[in-house]
N, C-alpha and C. Protein backbone atom coordinates (compact mmCIF):
# COMPACT_ATOMS: atom_id res chain seq x y z
N MET A 1 -25.37 6.46 14.98
CA MET A 1 -24.18 6.29 14.14
C MET A 1 -24.38 5.11 13.20
N LYS A 2 -24.12 5.31 11.94
CA LYS A 2 -24.24 4.22 10.98
C LYS A 2 -23.18 3.16 11.25
N THR A 3 -23.53 1.91 10.97
CA THR A 3 -22.57 0.82 11.15
C THR A 3 -21.84 0.49 9.85
N LEU A 4 -22.30 1.06 8.76
CA LEU A 4 -21.66 0.82 7.47
C LEU A 4 -21.52 2.14 6.73
N ILE A 5 -20.58 2.17 5.79
CA ILE A 5 -20.47 3.33 4.92
C ILE A 5 -21.04 2.92 3.57
N SER A 6 -21.84 3.77 2.98
CA SER A 6 -22.58 3.40 1.78
C SER A 6 -21.69 3.42 0.55
N VAL A 7 -22.17 2.73 -0.49
CA VAL A 7 -21.48 2.75 -1.78
C VAL A 7 -21.41 4.17 -2.31
N ASP A 8 -22.48 4.93 -2.09
CA ASP A 8 -22.50 6.32 -2.55
C ASP A 8 -21.38 7.14 -1.89
N GLN A 9 -21.12 6.88 -0.60
CA GLN A 9 -20.07 7.63 0.07
C GLN A 9 -18.70 7.25 -0.48
N PHE A 10 -18.50 5.98 -0.82
CA PHE A 10 -17.24 5.60 -1.45
C PHE A 10 -17.09 6.25 -2.82
N GLU A 11 -18.19 6.47 -3.51
CA GLU A 11 -18.13 7.19 -4.79
C GLU A 11 -17.71 8.64 -4.57
N VAL A 12 -18.18 9.24 -3.47
CA VAL A 12 -17.75 10.60 -3.13
C VAL A 12 -16.25 10.62 -2.88
N ILE A 13 -15.75 9.61 -2.16
CA ILE A 13 -14.31 9.53 -1.88
C ILE A 13 -13.53 9.38 -3.18
N ARG A 14 -14.00 8.48 -4.06
CA ARG A 14 -13.29 8.27 -5.33
C ARG A 14 -13.26 9.56 -6.15
N THR A 15 -14.37 10.25 -6.21
CA THR A 15 -14.43 11.50 -6.97
C THR A 15 -13.44 12.52 -6.42
N SER A 16 -13.32 12.58 -5.10
CA SER A 16 -12.39 13.54 -4.49
C SER A 16 -10.94 13.20 -4.83
N TYR A 17 -10.61 11.91 -4.85
CA TYR A 17 -9.25 11.51 -5.22
C TYR A 17 -8.93 11.88 -6.66
N LYS A 18 -9.89 11.77 -7.52
CA LYS A 18 -9.64 12.07 -8.93
C LYS A 18 -9.41 13.56 -9.17
N THR A 19 -9.85 14.40 -8.23
CA THR A 19 -9.57 15.83 -8.35
C THR A 19 -8.14 16.15 -7.91
N LYS A 20 -7.51 15.25 -7.15
CA LYS A 20 -6.16 15.47 -6.59
C LYS A 20 -6.14 16.62 -5.58
N ASP A 21 -7.29 16.98 -5.06
CA ASP A 21 -7.41 18.09 -4.10
C ASP A 21 -7.35 17.50 -2.69
N ALA A 22 -6.24 17.75 -1.97
CA ALA A 22 -6.04 17.13 -0.66
C ALA A 22 -7.09 17.54 0.36
N ILE A 23 -7.51 18.80 0.32
CA ILE A 23 -8.53 19.25 1.28
C ILE A 23 -9.86 18.55 1.01
N LEU A 24 -10.23 18.44 -0.24
CA LEU A 24 -11.47 17.75 -0.61
C LEU A 24 -11.40 16.28 -0.22
N ILE A 25 -10.24 15.67 -0.42
CA ILE A 25 -10.07 14.25 -0.05
C ILE A 25 -10.26 14.07 1.45
N LYS A 26 -9.60 14.89 2.24
CA LYS A 26 -9.72 14.75 3.70
C LYS A 26 -11.16 14.92 4.15
N ASN A 27 -11.86 15.90 3.61
CA ASN A 27 -13.25 16.10 3.98
C ASN A 27 -14.11 14.89 3.61
N SER A 28 -13.82 14.29 2.47
CA SER A 28 -14.62 13.14 2.03
C SER A 28 -14.37 11.92 2.90
N LEU A 29 -13.22 11.88 3.57
CA LEU A 29 -12.88 10.72 4.40
C LEU A 29 -13.52 10.76 5.79
N MET A 30 -13.97 11.91 6.23
CA MET A 30 -14.42 12.04 7.62
C MET A 30 -15.60 11.14 7.99
N PRO A 31 -16.61 10.96 7.12
CA PRO A 31 -17.65 10.00 7.48
C PRO A 31 -17.11 8.58 7.68
N LEU A 32 -16.14 8.19 6.86
CA LEU A 32 -15.51 6.88 7.01
C LEU A 32 -14.74 6.79 8.33
N ILE A 33 -14.06 7.85 8.71
CA ILE A 33 -13.31 7.86 9.97
C ILE A 33 -14.27 7.63 11.14
N ASP A 34 -15.43 8.28 11.11
CA ASP A 34 -16.43 8.09 12.17
C ASP A 34 -16.89 6.64 12.25
N VAL A 35 -17.16 6.05 11.09
CA VAL A 35 -17.62 4.66 11.07
C VAL A 35 -16.53 3.74 11.62
N ILE A 36 -15.28 3.97 11.22
CA ILE A 36 -14.17 3.13 11.70
C ILE A 36 -14.05 3.21 13.22
N TYR A 37 -14.17 4.41 13.77
CA TYR A 37 -13.95 4.57 15.21
C TYR A 37 -15.12 4.04 16.05
N TYR A 38 -16.33 4.28 15.61
CA TYR A 38 -17.49 3.98 16.45
C TYR A 38 -18.07 2.58 16.22
N THR A 39 -17.57 1.85 15.25
CA THR A 39 -18.12 0.53 14.95
C THR A 39 -16.99 -0.49 14.81
N ASN A 40 -17.37 -1.72 14.53
CA ASN A 40 -16.38 -2.80 14.31
C ASN A 40 -16.06 -2.96 12.82
N TYR A 41 -16.17 -1.88 12.07
CA TYR A 41 -16.04 -1.91 10.62
C TYR A 41 -14.72 -2.56 10.16
N LEU A 42 -13.63 -2.33 10.88
CA LEU A 42 -12.33 -2.84 10.44
C LEU A 42 -12.10 -4.31 10.77
N GLU A 43 -12.91 -4.88 11.63
CA GLU A 43 -12.68 -6.26 12.04
C GLU A 43 -12.77 -7.21 10.85
N GLY A 44 -11.72 -8.05 10.69
CA GLY A 44 -11.68 -9.01 9.60
C GLY A 44 -11.21 -8.43 8.29
N LYS A 45 -10.90 -7.13 8.26
CA LYS A 45 -10.46 -6.49 7.02
C LYS A 45 -8.94 -6.26 6.96
N LEU A 46 -8.27 -6.27 8.10
CA LEU A 46 -6.86 -5.88 8.16
C LEU A 46 -5.94 -7.10 8.16
N ARG A 47 -4.81 -6.98 7.46
CA ARG A 47 -3.81 -8.05 7.40
C ARG A 47 -2.41 -7.47 7.58
N PHE A 48 -1.50 -8.29 8.09
CA PHE A 48 -0.10 -7.92 8.21
C PHE A 48 0.58 -8.11 6.85
N HIS A 49 1.21 -7.06 6.35
CA HIS A 49 1.88 -7.13 5.05
C HIS A 49 3.34 -7.57 5.25
N PRO A 50 3.88 -8.39 4.33
CA PRO A 50 5.28 -8.83 4.46
C PRO A 50 6.29 -7.69 4.48
N LEU A 51 5.93 -6.52 3.99
CA LEU A 51 6.86 -5.38 3.97
C LEU A 51 6.80 -4.54 5.24
N GLY A 52 6.08 -5.02 6.25
CA GLY A 52 6.17 -4.38 7.55
C GLY A 52 5.10 -3.34 7.87
N PHE A 53 3.97 -3.39 7.19
CA PHE A 53 2.85 -2.51 7.55
C PHE A 53 1.57 -3.34 7.57
N ILE A 54 0.50 -2.72 7.96
CA ILE A 54 -0.82 -3.35 8.00
C ILE A 54 -1.66 -2.74 6.88
N TYR A 55 -2.43 -3.57 6.22
CA TYR A 55 -3.25 -3.06 5.12
C TYR A 55 -4.63 -3.70 5.16
N GLY A 56 -5.57 -3.03 4.52
CA GLY A 56 -6.91 -3.58 4.44
C GLY A 56 -7.66 -3.01 3.25
N LYS A 57 -8.37 -3.86 2.54
CA LYS A 57 -9.22 -3.40 1.44
C LYS A 57 -10.56 -2.98 2.02
N LEU A 58 -10.89 -1.71 1.85
CA LEU A 58 -12.13 -1.17 2.40
C LEU A 58 -13.27 -1.18 1.40
N HIS A 59 -12.92 -1.10 0.10
CA HIS A 59 -13.98 -1.13 -0.92
C HIS A 59 -13.37 -1.43 -2.28
N GLU A 60 -14.09 -2.21 -3.08
CA GLU A 60 -13.70 -2.44 -4.47
C GLU A 60 -14.83 -1.98 -5.37
N PHE A 61 -14.50 -1.12 -6.32
CA PHE A 61 -15.49 -0.58 -7.24
C PHE A 61 -15.74 -1.57 -8.37
N LEU A 62 -16.82 -1.34 -9.11
CA LEU A 62 -17.22 -2.28 -10.16
C LEU A 62 -16.17 -2.40 -11.27
N ASN A 63 -15.37 -1.37 -11.48
CA ASN A 63 -14.33 -1.42 -12.52
C ASN A 63 -12.99 -1.91 -11.98
N SER A 64 -13.00 -2.53 -10.80
CA SER A 64 -11.82 -3.12 -10.14
C SER A 64 -10.88 -2.09 -9.54
N GLU A 65 -11.24 -0.82 -9.52
CA GLU A 65 -10.48 0.14 -8.72
C GLU A 65 -10.75 -0.16 -7.25
N VAL A 66 -9.74 0.12 -6.40
CA VAL A 66 -9.81 -0.33 -5.01
C VAL A 66 -9.44 0.80 -4.06
N PHE A 67 -10.09 0.81 -2.90
CA PHE A 67 -9.78 1.77 -1.84
C PHE A 67 -9.27 1.00 -0.63
N ARG A 68 -8.07 1.37 -0.14
CA ARG A 68 -7.42 0.64 0.95
C ARG A 68 -6.96 1.58 2.05
N ILE A 69 -6.60 0.97 3.17
CA ILE A 69 -5.93 1.67 4.25
C ILE A 69 -4.59 0.99 4.50
N HIS A 70 -3.54 1.78 4.75
CA HIS A 70 -2.22 1.27 5.11
C HIS A 70 -1.83 1.89 6.45
N ILE A 71 -1.28 1.06 7.35
CA ILE A 71 -0.89 1.53 8.69
C ILE A 71 0.50 1.02 9.02
N TRP A 72 1.39 1.94 9.39
CA TRP A 72 2.70 1.57 9.96
C TRP A 72 2.65 1.92 11.44
N ASN A 73 2.72 0.90 12.32
CA ASN A 73 2.67 1.19 13.76
C ASN A 73 3.52 0.21 14.57
N THR A 74 4.51 -0.40 13.95
CA THR A 74 5.51 -1.30 14.56
C THR A 74 4.97 -2.68 14.91
N THR A 75 3.68 -2.94 14.74
CA THR A 75 3.16 -4.26 15.09
C THR A 75 3.31 -5.27 13.95
N SER A 76 3.52 -4.77 12.72
CA SER A 76 3.72 -5.65 11.58
C SER A 76 5.21 -5.69 11.26
N LYS A 77 5.81 -6.88 11.27
CA LYS A 77 7.24 -7.04 11.08
C LYS A 77 7.56 -7.41 9.64
N VAL A 78 8.69 -6.87 9.15
CA VAL A 78 9.15 -7.20 7.80
C VAL A 78 9.54 -8.67 7.74
N GLN A 79 9.15 -9.33 6.66
CA GLN A 79 9.51 -10.73 6.44
C GLN A 79 10.69 -10.81 5.48
N ASP A 80 11.68 -11.61 5.84
CA ASP A 80 12.88 -11.76 5.01
C ASP A 80 12.70 -12.84 3.95
N PRO A 81 13.41 -12.68 2.81
CA PRO A 81 14.21 -11.53 2.43
C PRO A 81 13.31 -10.36 2.01
N ILE A 82 13.80 -9.15 2.27
CA ILE A 82 13.02 -7.96 1.95
C ILE A 82 13.06 -7.72 0.44
N MET A 83 11.90 -7.71 -0.19
CA MET A 83 11.80 -7.36 -1.61
C MET A 83 10.84 -6.18 -1.72
N ASN A 84 11.36 -5.00 -1.41
CA ASN A 84 10.50 -3.83 -1.28
C ASN A 84 10.57 -2.87 -2.45
N ILE A 85 11.37 -3.18 -3.47
CA ILE A 85 11.41 -2.35 -4.68
C ILE A 85 10.53 -3.00 -5.73
N HIS A 86 9.56 -2.26 -6.25
CA HIS A 86 8.55 -2.87 -7.11
C HIS A 86 7.80 -1.80 -7.89
N ASN A 87 6.99 -2.23 -8.83
CA ASN A 87 5.96 -1.35 -9.38
C ASN A 87 4.61 -2.00 -9.15
N HIS A 88 3.55 -1.43 -9.71
CA HIS A 88 2.21 -1.86 -9.36
C HIS A 88 1.38 -2.27 -10.56
N PHE A 89 0.30 -2.96 -10.26
CA PHE A 89 -0.69 -3.36 -11.26
C PHE A 89 -1.58 -2.18 -11.64
N TYR A 90 -1.53 -1.10 -10.84
CA TYR A 90 -2.46 0.02 -10.98
C TYR A 90 -1.75 1.32 -10.64
N ASP A 91 -2.38 2.44 -10.93
CA ASP A 91 -1.89 3.74 -10.47
C ASP A 91 -2.32 3.94 -9.02
N VAL A 92 -1.40 4.41 -8.22
CA VAL A 92 -1.63 4.55 -6.78
C VAL A 92 -1.77 6.04 -6.41
N ASN A 93 -2.81 6.37 -5.65
CA ASN A 93 -2.99 7.72 -5.11
C ASN A 93 -3.15 7.59 -3.61
N SER A 94 -2.17 8.09 -2.86
CA SER A 94 -2.13 7.85 -1.43
C SER A 94 -2.21 9.16 -0.65
N PHE A 95 -3.19 9.25 0.24
CA PHE A 95 -3.37 10.43 1.08
C PHE A 95 -2.82 10.12 2.48
N VAL A 96 -1.88 10.94 2.94
CA VAL A 96 -1.26 10.73 4.24
C VAL A 96 -2.17 11.33 5.32
N PHE A 97 -2.84 10.47 6.05
CA PHE A 97 -3.78 10.92 7.08
C PHE A 97 -3.07 11.19 8.40
N ARG A 98 -1.99 10.46 8.64
CA ARG A 98 -1.20 10.65 9.86
C ARG A 98 0.24 10.25 9.57
N GLY A 99 1.20 11.00 10.13
CA GLY A 99 2.60 10.64 9.99
C GLY A 99 3.25 11.21 8.74
N ILE A 100 4.37 10.59 8.37
CA ILE A 100 5.17 11.02 7.22
C ILE A 100 5.59 9.79 6.43
N VAL A 101 5.52 9.90 5.11
CA VAL A 101 5.86 8.80 4.21
C VAL A 101 7.05 9.19 3.34
N SER A 102 7.95 8.24 3.11
CA SER A 102 9.00 8.43 2.10
C SER A 102 8.66 7.57 0.88
N ASN A 103 8.96 8.11 -0.30
CA ASN A 103 8.72 7.39 -1.54
C ASN A 103 9.96 7.51 -2.42
N ASP A 104 10.74 6.42 -2.51
CA ASP A 104 11.96 6.40 -3.31
C ASP A 104 11.65 5.89 -4.71
N LEU A 105 12.09 6.64 -5.72
CA LEU A 105 11.86 6.28 -7.11
C LEU A 105 13.14 5.74 -7.74
N TYR A 106 13.00 4.71 -8.58
CA TYR A 106 14.12 4.06 -9.25
C TYR A 106 13.86 4.01 -10.75
N LYS A 107 14.93 3.81 -11.51
CA LYS A 107 14.80 3.61 -12.95
C LYS A 107 15.66 2.42 -13.36
N ILE A 108 15.28 1.80 -14.47
CA ILE A 108 16.05 0.69 -15.03
C ILE A 108 17.08 1.24 -16.01
N ASN A 109 18.31 0.77 -15.87
CA ASN A 109 19.38 1.09 -16.82
C ASN A 109 19.68 -0.18 -17.62
N GLU A 110 19.19 -0.23 -18.82
CA GLU A 110 19.33 -1.43 -19.64
C GLU A 110 20.77 -1.69 -20.07
N LEU A 111 21.65 -0.67 -19.99
CA LEU A 111 23.02 -0.81 -20.48
C LEU A 111 24.01 -1.22 -19.38
N ALA A 112 23.59 -1.14 -18.14
CA ALA A 112 24.49 -1.40 -17.03
C ALA A 112 24.39 -2.85 -16.55
N VAL A 113 25.39 -3.24 -15.78
CA VAL A 113 25.43 -4.60 -15.23
C VAL A 113 24.25 -4.81 -14.27
N PRO A 114 23.55 -5.92 -14.38
CA PRO A 114 22.38 -6.15 -13.52
C PRO A 114 22.70 -6.10 -12.04
N THR A 115 21.78 -5.54 -11.28
CA THR A 115 21.90 -5.47 -9.83
C THR A 115 20.83 -6.31 -9.12
N HIS A 116 19.74 -6.64 -9.83
CA HIS A 116 18.62 -7.34 -9.22
C HIS A 116 18.04 -8.36 -10.20
N SER A 117 17.45 -9.39 -9.65
CA SER A 117 16.64 -10.33 -10.43
C SER A 117 15.17 -9.94 -10.30
N ILE A 118 14.42 -10.21 -11.35
CA ILE A 118 12.98 -9.92 -11.32
C ILE A 118 12.23 -11.16 -10.86
N TYR A 119 11.31 -10.95 -9.94
CA TYR A 119 10.43 -12.00 -9.43
C TYR A 119 8.99 -11.71 -9.85
N SER A 120 8.26 -12.76 -10.14
CA SER A 120 6.83 -12.62 -10.44
C SER A 120 6.03 -13.10 -9.23
N GLY A 121 4.92 -12.43 -9.00
CA GLY A 121 4.12 -12.75 -7.83
C GLY A 121 2.85 -13.50 -8.16
N SER A 122 2.45 -14.37 -7.24
CA SER A 122 1.17 -15.08 -7.34
C SER A 122 0.66 -15.34 -5.93
N TYR A 123 -0.60 -15.74 -5.84
CA TYR A 123 -1.21 -15.97 -4.53
C TYR A 123 -1.72 -17.40 -4.44
N ALA A 124 -1.23 -18.13 -3.41
CA ALA A 124 -1.76 -19.47 -3.15
C ALA A 124 -3.15 -19.38 -2.55
N ASN A 125 -3.36 -18.36 -1.73
CA ASN A 125 -4.67 -18.05 -1.14
C ASN A 125 -4.60 -16.62 -0.64
N GLU A 126 -5.63 -16.17 0.06
CA GLU A 126 -5.71 -14.77 0.47
C GLU A 126 -4.57 -14.36 1.41
N SER A 127 -3.99 -15.33 2.13
CA SER A 127 -2.98 -14.99 3.13
C SER A 127 -1.57 -15.45 2.75
N THR A 128 -1.40 -16.03 1.57
CA THR A 128 -0.09 -16.56 1.19
C THR A 128 0.30 -16.07 -0.19
N ARG A 129 1.42 -15.33 -0.26
CA ARG A 129 1.93 -14.84 -1.53
C ARG A 129 3.23 -15.56 -1.87
N ILE A 130 3.37 -15.91 -3.14
CA ILE A 130 4.56 -16.62 -3.61
C ILE A 130 5.27 -15.76 -4.64
N LEU A 131 6.58 -15.54 -4.46
CA LEU A 131 7.41 -14.85 -5.44
C LEU A 131 8.33 -15.87 -6.10
N THR A 132 8.28 -15.90 -7.43
CA THR A 132 9.06 -16.86 -8.20
C THR A 132 10.08 -16.13 -9.07
N LYS A 133 11.32 -16.55 -8.98
CA LYS A 133 12.40 -15.90 -9.72
C LYS A 133 12.26 -16.17 -11.21
N THR A 134 12.40 -15.11 -12.01
CA THR A 134 12.36 -15.26 -13.47
C THR A 134 13.78 -15.33 -14.02
N GLU A 135 13.90 -15.42 -15.32
CA GLU A 135 15.21 -15.45 -15.96
C GLU A 135 15.73 -14.04 -16.25
N SER A 136 14.96 -13.04 -15.90
CA SER A 136 15.30 -11.65 -16.23
C SER A 136 16.02 -10.96 -15.08
N ASN A 137 17.14 -10.30 -15.40
CA ASN A 137 17.90 -9.51 -14.44
C ASN A 137 18.00 -8.08 -14.96
N LYS A 138 17.95 -7.09 -14.05
CA LYS A 138 18.00 -5.69 -14.45
C LYS A 138 18.91 -4.90 -13.52
N ASN A 139 19.44 -3.80 -14.07
CA ASN A 139 20.14 -2.82 -13.25
C ASN A 139 19.14 -1.73 -12.88
N ILE A 140 18.94 -1.51 -11.59
CA ILE A 140 18.04 -0.43 -11.17
C ILE A 140 18.85 0.59 -10.38
N GLN A 141 18.56 1.85 -10.65
CA GLN A 141 19.31 2.95 -10.06
C GLN A 141 18.36 3.91 -9.35
N PHE A 142 18.77 4.34 -8.16
CA PHE A 142 17.99 5.30 -7.39
C PHE A 142 17.93 6.63 -8.13
N GLU A 143 16.74 7.23 -8.20
CA GLU A 143 16.56 8.53 -8.84
C GLU A 143 16.32 9.66 -7.86
N GLN A 144 15.31 9.50 -6.99
CA GLN A 144 14.99 10.58 -6.06
C GLN A 144 14.15 10.06 -4.90
N ARG A 145 14.19 10.82 -3.81
CA ARG A 145 13.34 10.52 -2.65
C ARG A 145 12.33 11.64 -2.47
N GLN A 146 11.08 11.24 -2.31
CA GLN A 146 10.02 12.19 -2.00
C GLN A 146 9.61 12.00 -0.54
N ILE A 147 9.39 13.08 0.17
CA ILE A 147 8.90 13.04 1.54
C ILE A 147 7.52 13.68 1.55
N ILE A 148 6.53 12.91 2.02
CA ILE A 148 5.14 13.39 1.99
C ILE A 148 4.61 13.44 3.42
N SER A 149 4.20 14.60 3.85
CA SER A 149 3.75 14.80 5.22
C SER A 149 2.23 14.71 5.32
N LYS A 150 1.77 14.76 6.55
CA LYS A 150 0.34 14.65 6.85
C LYS A 150 -0.48 15.64 6.03
N ASP A 151 -1.66 15.16 5.60
CA ASP A 151 -2.65 15.96 4.84
C ASP A 151 -2.22 16.27 3.42
N ASN A 152 -1.29 15.46 2.90
CA ASN A 152 -0.86 15.62 1.51
C ASN A 152 -1.09 14.34 0.72
N LEU A 153 -1.25 14.51 -0.58
CA LEU A 153 -1.49 13.40 -1.50
C LEU A 153 -0.27 13.21 -2.38
N TYR A 154 0.08 11.93 -2.63
CA TYR A 154 1.09 11.65 -3.64
C TYR A 154 0.62 10.51 -4.52
N SER A 155 1.14 10.47 -5.75
CA SER A 155 0.68 9.48 -6.73
C SER A 155 1.88 8.74 -7.32
N ILE A 156 1.64 7.48 -7.65
CA ILE A 156 2.66 6.62 -8.27
C ILE A 156 2.03 5.96 -9.48
N LYS A 157 2.55 6.23 -10.66
CA LYS A 157 2.06 5.59 -11.87
C LYS A 157 2.50 4.12 -11.89
N LYS A 158 1.70 3.27 -12.55
CA LYS A 158 1.98 1.84 -12.52
C LYS A 158 3.28 1.45 -13.20
N ASN A 159 3.82 2.32 -14.04
CA ASN A 159 5.11 2.01 -14.65
C ASN A 159 6.29 2.54 -13.85
N GLU A 160 6.02 3.20 -12.71
CA GLU A 160 7.10 3.72 -11.88
C GLU A 160 7.56 2.67 -10.87
N ILE A 161 8.87 2.56 -10.73
CA ILE A 161 9.46 1.62 -9.78
C ILE A 161 9.76 2.39 -8.50
N HIS A 162 9.31 1.85 -7.37
CA HIS A 162 9.45 2.63 -6.13
C HIS A 162 9.64 1.73 -4.92
N LEU A 163 9.95 2.41 -3.82
CA LEU A 163 10.04 1.80 -2.49
C LEU A 163 9.41 2.79 -1.53
N GLY A 164 8.38 2.36 -0.82
CA GLY A 164 7.69 3.25 0.11
C GLY A 164 7.89 2.82 1.55
N ASP A 165 7.88 3.80 2.47
CA ASP A 165 8.05 3.49 3.89
C ASP A 165 7.56 4.68 4.71
N ASN A 166 7.43 4.46 6.03
CA ASN A 166 7.17 5.60 6.90
C ASN A 166 8.50 6.17 7.38
N VAL A 167 8.46 7.33 7.99
CA VAL A 167 9.67 8.05 8.38
C VAL A 167 9.81 8.04 9.90
N ASN A 168 11.01 7.73 10.38
CA ASN A 168 11.35 7.77 11.81
C ASN A 168 10.49 6.85 12.66
N ASN A 169 10.00 5.77 12.04
CA ASN A 169 9.15 4.80 12.76
C ASN A 169 7.93 5.46 13.42
N GLU A 170 7.54 6.59 12.91
CA GLU A 170 6.36 7.29 13.43
C GLU A 170 5.10 6.56 12.98
N ILE A 171 4.10 6.52 13.86
CA ILE A 171 2.81 5.94 13.46
C ILE A 171 2.31 6.68 12.23
N THR A 172 2.04 5.93 11.18
CA THR A 172 1.67 6.53 9.90
C THR A 172 0.47 5.80 9.32
N ILE A 173 -0.50 6.57 8.83
CA ILE A 173 -1.72 5.99 8.26
C ILE A 173 -2.00 6.67 6.93
N THR A 174 -2.19 5.88 5.90
CA THR A 174 -2.55 6.43 4.59
C THR A 174 -3.82 5.76 4.09
N PHE A 175 -4.61 6.52 3.34
CA PHE A 175 -5.77 5.99 2.64
C PHE A 175 -5.44 6.01 1.15
N VAL A 176 -5.56 4.86 0.51
CA VAL A 176 -5.00 4.66 -0.83
C VAL A 176 -6.10 4.31 -1.83
N PHE A 177 -6.19 5.10 -2.87
CA PHE A 177 -7.10 4.81 -3.98
C PHE A 177 -6.28 4.34 -5.17
N SER A 178 -6.52 3.10 -5.60
CA SER A 178 -5.81 2.50 -6.73
C SER A 178 -6.71 2.52 -7.95
N GLU A 179 -6.25 3.21 -9.01
CA GLU A 179 -7.08 3.37 -10.20
C GLU A 179 -6.36 2.87 -11.44
N ASN A 180 -7.12 2.77 -12.52
CA ASN A 180 -6.58 2.34 -13.82
C ASN A 180 -5.82 1.02 -13.73
N PRO A 181 -6.43 -0.03 -13.21
CA PRO A 181 -5.73 -1.31 -13.12
C PRO A 181 -5.42 -1.86 -14.51
N GLY A 182 -4.34 -2.66 -14.59
CA GLY A 182 -4.08 -3.28 -15.88
C GLY A 182 -2.64 -3.37 -16.32
N ASN A 183 -1.67 -3.05 -15.45
CA ASN A 183 -0.27 -3.24 -15.83
C ASN A 183 -0.05 -4.73 -16.09
N PRO A 184 0.30 -5.13 -17.33
CA PRO A 184 0.43 -6.56 -17.62
C PRO A 184 1.63 -7.22 -16.97
N ASN A 185 2.63 -6.41 -16.56
CA ASN A 185 3.85 -7.00 -16.03
C ASN A 185 4.35 -6.27 -14.78
N PRO A 186 3.60 -6.34 -13.67
CA PRO A 186 4.12 -5.74 -12.43
C PRO A 186 5.39 -6.47 -12.00
N LEU A 187 6.39 -5.70 -11.54
CA LEU A 187 7.71 -6.26 -11.26
C LEU A 187 8.04 -6.17 -9.77
N VAL A 188 8.71 -7.20 -9.27
CA VAL A 188 9.31 -7.19 -7.93
C VAL A 188 10.79 -7.48 -8.11
N PHE A 189 11.64 -6.67 -7.48
CA PHE A 189 13.08 -6.82 -7.66
C PHE A 189 13.69 -7.48 -6.43
N GLY A 190 14.42 -8.56 -6.65
CA GLY A 190 15.05 -9.31 -5.57
C GLY A 190 16.53 -9.52 -5.82
N PRO A 191 17.20 -10.24 -4.92
CA PRO A 191 18.64 -10.44 -5.04
C PRO A 191 19.02 -11.32 -6.23
N LEU A 192 20.15 -11.00 -6.84
CA LEU A 192 20.63 -11.80 -7.96
C LEU A 192 20.88 -13.25 -7.55
N ASP A 193 21.34 -13.44 -6.31
CA ASP A 193 21.66 -14.78 -5.82
C ASP A 193 20.53 -15.37 -4.98
N GLY A 194 19.31 -14.84 -5.18
CA GLY A 194 18.19 -15.30 -4.38
C GLY A 194 17.69 -16.68 -4.76
N GLU A 195 16.86 -17.25 -3.90
CA GLU A 195 16.27 -18.56 -4.13
C GLU A 195 15.26 -18.47 -5.28
N LYS A 196 14.88 -19.63 -5.77
CA LYS A 196 13.92 -19.69 -6.88
C LYS A 196 12.52 -19.27 -6.42
N ILE A 197 12.16 -19.63 -5.21
CA ILE A 197 10.82 -19.34 -4.72
C ILE A 197 10.90 -18.85 -3.27
N TYR A 198 10.12 -17.82 -2.98
CA TYR A 198 9.95 -17.34 -1.61
C TYR A 198 8.45 -17.28 -1.30
N THR A 199 8.11 -17.63 -0.07
CA THR A 199 6.73 -17.60 0.36
C THR A 199 6.57 -16.60 1.50
N TYR A 200 5.57 -15.74 1.38
CA TYR A 200 5.29 -14.71 2.38
C TYR A 200 3.86 -14.87 2.88
N HIS A 201 3.63 -14.45 4.13
CA HIS A 201 2.32 -14.64 4.73
C HIS A 201 1.71 -13.29 5.15
N SER A 202 0.42 -13.15 4.92
CA SER A 202 -0.34 -11.94 5.28
C SER A 202 -1.50 -12.36 6.17
N ASN A 203 -1.19 -12.59 7.44
CA ASN A 203 -2.21 -13.08 8.37
C ASN A 203 -3.12 -11.96 8.83
N LEU A 204 -4.32 -12.35 9.25
CA LEU A 204 -5.28 -11.37 9.75
C LEU A 204 -4.76 -10.71 11.02
N VAL A 205 -5.10 -9.44 11.18
CA VAL A 205 -4.73 -8.68 12.36
C VAL A 205 -5.67 -9.05 13.51
N ASP A 206 -5.10 -9.22 14.71
CA ASP A 206 -5.90 -9.59 15.88
C ASP A 206 -6.77 -8.41 16.34
N GLN A 207 -7.77 -8.73 17.15
CA GLN A 207 -8.74 -7.72 17.57
C GLN A 207 -8.09 -6.63 18.42
N LYS A 208 -7.14 -6.99 19.29
CA LYS A 208 -6.48 -6.00 20.15
C LYS A 208 -5.76 -4.94 19.29
N THR A 209 -5.02 -5.40 18.27
CA THR A 209 -4.31 -4.47 17.40
C THR A 209 -5.28 -3.64 16.58
N THR A 210 -6.38 -4.26 16.15
CA THR A 210 -7.41 -3.52 15.40
C THR A 210 -7.98 -2.39 16.24
N ASN A 211 -8.25 -2.66 17.51
CA ASN A 211 -8.78 -1.62 18.39
C ASN A 211 -7.76 -0.50 18.60
N GLU A 212 -6.48 -0.85 18.71
CA GLU A 212 -5.44 0.16 18.82
C GLU A 212 -5.39 1.05 17.58
N ILE A 213 -5.56 0.43 16.42
CA ILE A 213 -5.54 1.19 15.18
C ILE A 213 -6.71 2.17 15.11
N LYS A 214 -7.88 1.75 15.58
CA LYS A 214 -9.03 2.66 15.60
C LYS A 214 -8.71 3.93 16.38
N HIS A 215 -8.03 3.79 17.51
CA HIS A 215 -7.68 4.96 18.31
C HIS A 215 -6.57 5.78 17.65
N GLN A 216 -5.65 5.10 16.97
CA GLN A 216 -4.60 5.81 16.25
C GLN A 216 -5.16 6.65 15.11
N ILE A 217 -6.21 6.14 14.46
CA ILE A 217 -6.88 6.91 13.41
C ILE A 217 -7.63 8.10 14.01
N ALA A 218 -8.36 7.84 15.10
CA ALA A 218 -9.18 8.89 15.70
C ALA A 218 -8.33 10.02 16.28
N SER A 219 -7.11 9.71 16.70
CA SER A 219 -6.26 10.73 17.33
C SER A 219 -5.34 11.44 16.34
N ALA A 220 -5.52 11.15 15.03
CA ALA A 220 -4.64 11.78 14.01
C ALA A 220 -4.85 13.28 13.96
């Protein structure tokens, strides 16, 4: 069994995502699944996200496109205050490998009374994110909820405002390909009466939890 997955294999994965073919994507992921289960490949790659899931960067391509894993399994706790409505720096393509995902879409109403303040994000270091309140306030309105089940792909354009989560607290694992980076103004929406600065932490996942995740992936 190989202890690493090659750059060429990540290129195969990227190509499959660009086709938007869920069956092709799943097939391209299987060599990676074997490496994750039979080796220590995930060690040192996974972090607890402030929004209550675990994430890890598995590969970064030369053009700054990125391949990640996201895991919801109750071991990562949401950090307050919750600022889970946002858009992205890149287009997101997420394949649901296990579980069910909800994806809520929002729109800005420039004519209505503001409901949220906009925060800008920065990183003090790899494990510390800082959100700073701007002078801009917006009204955001719920548009629709998408439910995405196992073995399906969904995409989020970088100009789309959304909130993502797993459904029914079920163990959920997604493999995420982020392409076309370059949104100059990614937005995070927070409370109108919020503080000027909030600090969030993304600490490394411990080895026991990493081993549990390997089995959760293998049993999908």
